[in-house]
Amino acid sequence: MKRPPRPPTKKSPEQPSSPRFESDRLHGIAHAVAQRGKAIRYHGDLECRRAIEDFGERLNVDFTAIGGFCVRLSIWTDGVLWLGITKPGPRRVGGWAHYDPFHSHLGDLDAPDVLDVLDVLERFEQTIQSPTQAREILATQDGRPGLSGCSFSIRAMAAAG
């Protein structure tokens, strides 16, 4: 006679995993993305990776929305930040239906500030929910582009694009 199957055991809630960085700021942002991962993945696919380059490391946060928009946030250890918002064109030959890149620089990376990390994450989430409104989302209250501790050079990118 066979024993009845054991009832399922309760698993402890898994902590989201995030890549480990040498930079506390990059690790803080990666950890915050991992903490909000389930809510972000509700809108599409999310990937958070560490890239090692000759001159340091980089955090890449890639999001692909259900509607086809792709958002990539790259932050280097020296504070350089790049945000690219793209949507492939309707033709098979390629091109972009929407292409909007931003460059910026974060503030002091030696002293990570929780509010700066949360501000970056909040604006990233707002951007993935409304990618065509990114310029308005990334603008500061006084009308100039930027985040707390960083300023996006939108005018230069608009002139180049």
Protein backbone atom coordinates (compact mmCIF):
# COMPACT_ATOMS: atom_id res chain seq x y z
CA MET A 1 0.00 0.00 0.00
CA LYS A 2 1.36 3.41 -1.01
CA ARG A 3 1.59 6.29 1.37
CA PRO A 4 -0.41 9.38 0.55
CA PRO A 5 1.67 12.19 -0.91
CA ARG A 6 3.08 14.72 1.51
CA PRO A 7 1.37 18.05 1.62
CA PRO A 8 3.38 20.79 -0.03
CA THR A 9 5.72 22.57 2.33
CA LYS A 10 5.65 26.32 2.55
CA LYS A 11 8.65 27.88 0.94
CA SER A 12 10.20 30.91 2.45
CA PRO A 13 9.64 33.95 0.25
CA GLU A 14 12.52 34.15 -2.17
CA GLN A 15 14.47 37.34 -2.22
CA PRO A 16 14.89 38.65 -5.76
CA SER A 17 18.41 38.16 -6.99
CA SER A 18 20.42 40.99 -8.43
CA PRO A 19 23.93 41.01 -9.83
CA ARG A 20 26.64 41.99 -7.33
CA PHE A 21 28.56 45.15 -8.15
CA GLU A 22 31.72 46.64 -6.74
CA SER A 23 29.99 50.04 -6.80
CA ASP A 24 27.50 50.48 -3.95
CA ARG A 25 25.34 52.82 -6.07
CA LEU A 26 25.07 50.34 -8.95
CA HIS A 27 24.35 47.51 -6.54
CA GLY A 28 21.68 49.63 -4.82
CA ILE A 29 19.94 50.39 -8.12
CA ALA A 30 20.16 46.73 -9.24
CA HIS A 31 18.74 45.60 -5.90
CA ALA A 32 15.91 48.14 -6.10
CA VAL A 33 15.05 46.92 -9.62
CA ALA A 34 15.05 43.33 -8.35
CA GLN A 35 12.75 44.30 -5.47
CA ARG A 36 10.28 45.92 -7.90
CA GLY A 37 10.83 43.24 -10.55
CA LYS A 38 7.45 41.57 -10.25
CA ALA A 39 5.57 44.85 -10.61
CA ILE A 40 7.77 45.90 -13.54
CA ARG A 41 7.46 42.50 -15.26
CA TYR A 42 3.67 42.89 -15.15
CA HIS A 43 4.13 45.31 -18.08
CA GLY A 44 6.70 43.25 -20.07
CA ASP A 45 10.06 41.46 -19.89
CA LEU A 46 12.77 42.73 -17.55
CA GLU A 47 16.46 41.87 -17.39
CA CYS A 48 19.06 43.35 -15.06
CA ARG A 49 22.71 42.54 -15.85
CA ARG A 50 26.24 43.49 -14.93
CA ALA A 51 28.64 44.15 -17.78
CA ILE A 52 32.39 44.27 -17.18
CA GLU A 53 34.43 46.51 -19.44
CA ASP A 54 38.12 47.46 -19.62
CA PHE A 55 37.57 50.61 -17.58
CA GLY A 56 34.99 49.34 -15.06
CA GLU A 57 31.56 47.86 -14.71
CA ARG A 58 28.15 48.85 -16.02
CA LEU A 59 24.58 48.13 -14.94
CA ASN A 60 22.21 47.34 -17.82
CA VAL A 61 18.49 47.27 -17.13
CA ASP A 62 16.57 46.13 -20.21
CA PHE A 63 12.80 46.24 -20.45
CA THR A 64 10.69 45.12 -23.41
CA ALA A 65 7.05 46.13 -23.21
CA ILE A 66 4.18 44.01 -24.46
CA GLY A 67 3.46 46.76 -27.02
CA GLY A 68 6.95 46.52 -28.54
CA PHE A 69 8.75 49.43 -26.86
CA CYS A 70 12.24 48.67 -25.53
CA VAL A 71 13.80 50.69 -22.73
CA ARG A 72 17.47 50.30 -21.79
CA LEU A 73 19.02 52.02 -18.81
CA SER A 74 22.82 51.80 -18.61
CA ILE A 75 24.77 53.27 -15.71
CA TRP A 76 28.58 53.15 -15.47
CA THR A 77 30.65 53.29 -12.28
CA ASP A 78 31.86 56.81 -13.11
CA GLY A 79 28.25 58.03 -13.05
CA VAL A 80 27.55 58.23 -16.77
CA LEU A 81 23.95 57.29 -17.48
CA TRP A 82 22.33 56.39 -20.81
CA LEU A 83 18.64 55.74 -21.37
CA GLY A 84 17.43 54.53 -24.76
CA ILE A 85 13.79 54.17 -25.76
CA THR A 86 13.12 52.37 -29.03
CA LYS A 87 10.31 50.74 -30.94
CA PRO A 88 11.07 48.77 -34.11
CA GLY A 89 9.58 50.11 -37.31
CA PRO A 90 6.71 48.44 -39.13
CA ARG A 91 8.84 47.21 -42.02
CA ARG A 92 10.87 44.05 -42.15
CA VAL A 93 13.88 45.96 -43.49
CA GLY A 94 14.44 47.62 -40.12
CA GLY A 95 14.44 51.13 -38.83
CA TRP A 96 12.74 52.65 -35.84
CA ALA A 97 9.17 53.78 -35.37
CA HIS A 98 10.42 55.51 -32.21
CA TYR A 99 14.02 56.26 -31.16
CA ASP A 100 14.81 58.52 -28.21
CA PRO A 101 18.23 58.34 -26.47
CA PHE A 102 19.28 60.35 -23.41
CA HIS A 103 22.71 60.92 -21.85
CA SER A 104 23.29 62.09 -18.32
CA HIS A 105 25.58 61.91 -15.32
CA LEU A 106 24.64 60.85 -11.79
CA GLY A 107 25.84 62.79 -8.78
CA ASP A 108 28.47 61.63 -6.26
CA LEU A 109 28.76 57.86 -6.57
CA ASP A 110 30.91 57.48 -3.46
CA ALA A 111 27.99 58.27 -1.18
CA PRO A 112 24.94 56.36 -2.44
CA ASP A 113 21.72 58.06 -1.44
CA VAL A 114 18.57 55.95 -1.10
CA LEU A 115 16.44 58.82 -2.39
CA ASP A 116 18.54 59.08 -5.57
CA VAL A 117 18.21 55.33 -6.15
CA LEU A 118 14.45 55.48 -5.62
CA ASP A 119 14.17 58.53 -7.88
CA VAL A 120 16.02 56.73 -10.70
CA LEU A 121 13.82 53.65 -10.24
CA GLU A 122 10.59 55.66 -10.05
CA ARG A 123 11.38 57.56 -13.25
CA PHE A 124 12.42 54.32 -14.96
CA GLU A 125 9.06 52.76 -14.07
CA GLN A 126 7.19 55.86 -15.29
CA THR A 127 9.17 55.71 -18.54
CA ILE A 128 8.31 52.06 -19.20
CA GLN A 129 4.63 52.81 -18.59
CA SER A 130 4.62 55.83 -20.95
CA PRO A 131 7.72 55.60 -23.19
CA THR A 132 6.67 58.35 -25.59
CA GLN A 133 6.33 60.74 -22.64
CA ALA A 134 9.92 60.20 -21.44
CA ARG A 135 11.00 63.80 -22.04
CA GLU A 136 8.24 65.09 -19.76
CA ILE A 137 8.87 62.38 -17.13
CA LEU A 138 12.59 63.14 -17.01
CA ALA A 139 12.12 66.91 -16.77
CA THR A 140 12.68 68.52 -13.38
CA GLN A 141 10.10 70.72 -11.69
CA ASP A 142 11.74 73.89 -12.98
CA GLY A 143 11.31 72.68 -16.58
CA ARG A 144 14.91 71.71 -17.22
CA PRO A 145 15.61 68.05 -18.00
CA GLY A 146 17.09 65.94 -15.22
CA LEU A 147 16.80 63.72 -12.17
CA SER A 148 17.84 64.61 -8.65
CA GLY A 149 21.60 64.36 -8.76
CA CYS A 150 21.75 64.10 -12.55
CA SER A 151 20.84 66.13 -15.60
CA PHE A 152 19.84 64.74 -18.96
CA SER A 153 21.21 66.48 -22.02
CA ILE A 154 17.99 66.20 -24.02
CA ARG A 155 18.54 69.29 -26.17
CA ALA A 156 21.86 67.98 -27.49
CA MET A 157 20.34 64.59 -28.29
CA ALA A 158 17.30 66.19 -30.00
CA ALA A 159 19.61 68.26 -32.19
CA ALA A 160 21.63 65.16 -33.12
CA GLY A 161 18.51 63.05 -33.87
